[in-house]
């Protein structure tokens, strides 16, 4: 019998060493220190459903209190983005102690090589190319000035 993410979304091993199985929370925890909040929120909002985000919000709110992560109102996409951003900020807060989050279904983890990472690399490559062109232009100018000085 296959186990779905919903079947194991809140299983813990023991009170002292708790592991909560939730793919979204696992992904947010692992990526919040290596990606910008905006990129992480966009990626998760595009990959996960609103039900998955709400389920993860409910699980996380048990550990931080309802006041810190209350249910939001508004359009579905806007609520998802604001909820995800609030969840990321909780993971970034060093004063909050959370259990370990794990993934039971790796297909519910966004792929490692995302368009965001590729776009960032392409942008960096274009910036480097501009810098190389500028250095080449400066070298040509210096060369011309040396030729003018030493006829």
Protein backbone atom coordinates (compact mmCIF):
# COMPACT_ATOMS: atom_id res chain seq x y z
CA UNK A 1 0.00 0.00 0.00
CA UNK A 2 1.45 3.37 -1.02
CA UNK A 3 1.82 6.05 1.58
CA UNK A 4 0.80 9.53 0.53
CA UNK A 5 2.12 12.80 1.90
CA UNK A 6 -1.19 13.35 3.66
CA UNK A 7 -0.89 10.00 5.47
CA UNK A 8 2.46 10.92 6.99
CA UNK A 9 2.33 14.70 7.02
CA UNK A 10 2.50 15.00 10.81
CA UNK A 11 4.09 11.82 12.17
CA UNK A 12 6.69 12.18 14.92
CA UNK A 13 9.16 9.63 16.23
CA UNK A 14 9.30 10.64 19.87
CA UNK A 15 8.70 13.77 21.95
CA UNK A 16 12.42 14.39 22.53
CA UNK A 17 13.53 13.80 18.95
CA UNK A 18 10.64 14.83 16.75
CA UNK A 19 10.67 14.53 13.00
CA UNK A 20 7.69 15.97 11.20
CA UNK A 21 7.21 14.67 7.68
CA UNK A 22 6.14 17.51 5.44
CA UNK A 23 7.82 18.13 2.10
CA UNK A 24 7.06 21.84 1.87
CA UNK A 25 8.37 22.60 5.37
CA UNK A 26 11.43 20.44 4.73
CA UNK A 27 12.14 22.32 1.49
CA UNK A 28 11.63 25.76 3.06
CA UNK A 29 13.91 24.91 5.97
CA UNK A 30 16.68 23.65 3.70
CA UNK A 31 16.50 26.45 1.12
CA UNK A 32 15.72 29.53 3.24
CA UNK A 33 19.43 30.23 3.84
CA UNK A 34 20.55 29.79 0.23
CA UNK A 35 17.77 31.47 -1.75
CA UNK A 36 16.18 34.88 -1.51
CA UNK A 37 12.76 34.98 0.13
CA UNK A 38 11.13 36.24 -3.07
CA UNK A 39 12.62 33.47 -5.21
CA UNK A 40 11.78 30.80 -2.66
CA UNK A 41 8.19 32.04 -2.30
CA UNK A 42 7.71 32.19 -6.08
CA UNK A 43 9.13 28.70 -6.59
CA UNK A 44 6.99 27.18 -3.83
CA UNK A 45 3.84 29.05 -4.87
CA UNK A 46 4.27 27.70 -8.40
CA UNK A 47 5.07 24.13 -7.32
CA UNK A 48 2.79 23.46 -4.33
CA UNK A 49 -1.01 23.63 -4.19
CA UNK A 50 -2.87 26.00 -1.89
CA UNK A 51 -4.05 22.97 0.13
CA UNK A 52 -0.45 21.87 0.69
CA UNK A 53 0.55 25.37 1.76
CA UNK A 54 -2.41 25.59 4.15
CA UNK A 55 -1.67 22.15 5.61
CA UNK A 56 1.97 23.12 6.15
CA UNK A 57 0.93 26.44 7.70
CA UNK A 58 -1.32 24.59 10.15
CA UNK A 59 1.48 22.20 11.13
CA UNK A 60 4.02 25.00 11.57
CA UNK A 61 1.57 27.12 13.57
CA UNK A 62 1.43 24.36 16.21
CA UNK A 63 5.09 25.02 16.97
CA UNK A 64 5.06 28.83 16.85
CA UNK A 65 1.53 29.67 17.97
CA UNK A 66 -1.52 30.77 16.03
CA UNK A 67 -0.73 34.48 16.53
CA UNK A 68 2.57 34.19 14.69
CA UNK A 69 1.16 32.35 11.68
CA UNK A 70 -2.54 33.04 11.41
CA UNK A 71 -4.69 32.12 8.43
CA UNK A 72 -4.81 34.99 5.91
CA UNK A 73 -7.62 36.25 3.71
CA UNK A 74 -7.56 37.49 0.13
CA UNK A 75 -7.01 36.04 -3.31
CA UNK A 76 -5.65 32.48 -3.37
CA UNK A 77 -2.33 33.38 -5.01
CA UNK A 78 -1.79 36.39 -2.73
CA UNK A 79 -2.60 34.37 0.40
CA UNK A 80 -0.21 31.60 -0.69
CA UNK A 81 2.62 34.06 -1.29
CA UNK A 82 2.13 35.91 2.00
CA UNK A 83 1.78 32.64 3.93
CA UNK A 84 4.93 31.21 2.37
CA UNK A 85 6.86 34.42 3.10
CA UNK A 86 5.72 34.30 6.75
CA UNK A 87 6.78 30.66 6.98
CA UNK A 88 10.23 31.45 5.57
CA UNK A 89 10.65 34.28 8.09
CA UNK A 90 9.86 31.84 10.90
CA UNK A 91 12.59 29.49 9.67
CA UNK A 92 15.03 32.41 9.53
CA UNK A 93 14.31 33.46 13.13
CA UNK A 94 17.07 31.98 15.31
CA UNK A 95 14.99 32.38 18.48
CA UNK A 96 12.41 29.85 17.30
CA UNK A 97 13.18 26.18 17.95
CA UNK A 98 11.43 23.86 15.54
CA UNK A 99 11.45 20.11 15.04
CA UNK A 100 13.27 18.53 12.12
CA UNK A 101 11.19 18.44 8.96
CA UNK A 102 11.65 15.58 6.53
CA UNK A 103 10.30 14.46 3.17
CA UNK A 104 8.62 11.11 2.61
CA UNK A 105 7.73 11.74 -1.03
CA UNK A 106 10.67 13.19 -2.97
CA UNK A 107 8.46 13.88 -5.97
CA UNK A 108 6.86 16.63 -3.85
CA UNK A 109 10.21 18.47 -3.56
CA UNK A 110 10.83 21.03 -6.33
CA UNK A 111 13.61 20.01 -8.72
CA UNK A 112 17.07 21.13 -7.76
CA UNK A 113 17.87 22.85 -11.03
CA UNK A 114 15.14 25.41 -11.31
CA UNK A 115 14.56 28.09 -13.88
CA UNK A 116 15.34 30.64 -11.18
CA UNK A 117 18.86 29.23 -10.74
CA UNK A 118 19.44 29.11 -14.49
CA UNK A 119 18.15 32.67 -14.91
CA UNK A 120 20.46 33.85 -12.12
CA UNK A 121 23.44 32.18 -13.83
CA UNK A 122 22.52 33.70 -17.21
CA UNK A 123 22.23 37.14 -15.64
CA UNK A 124 25.62 36.73 -13.96
CA UNK A 125 27.13 35.56 -17.24
CA UNK A 126 25.83 38.62 -19.09
CA UNK A 127 27.22 40.91 -16.36
CA UNK A 128 30.61 39.22 -16.64
CA UNK A 129 30.58 39.55 -20.43
CA UNK A 130 29.89 43.30 -20.13
CA UNK A 131 32.76 43.64 -17.68
CA UNK A 132 35.14 41.76 -19.99
CA UNK A 133 34.10 43.99 -22.93
CA UNK A 134 34.70 47.09 -20.82
CA UNK A 135 38.14 45.85 -19.76
CA UNK A 136 38.98 45.11 -23.40
CA UNK A 137 37.89 48.64 -24.38
CA UNK A 138 40.06 50.10 -21.61
CA UNK A 139 43.03 48.01 -22.78
CA UNK A 140 42.51 49.27 -26.35
CA UNK A 141 42.41 52.87 -25.09
CA UNK A 142 45.60 52.38 -23.11
CA UNK A 143 47.23 50.84 -26.16
CA UNK A 144 46.17 53.79 -28.35
CA UNK A 145 47.44 56.28 -25.77
CA UNK A 146 50.80 54.49 -25.64
CA UNK A 147 51.07 54.60 -29.45
CA UNK A 148 50.25 58.31 -29.49
CA UNK A 149 52.83 58.96 -26.77
CA UNK A 150 55.55 56.83 -28.43
CA UNK A 151 55.37 57.62 -32.16
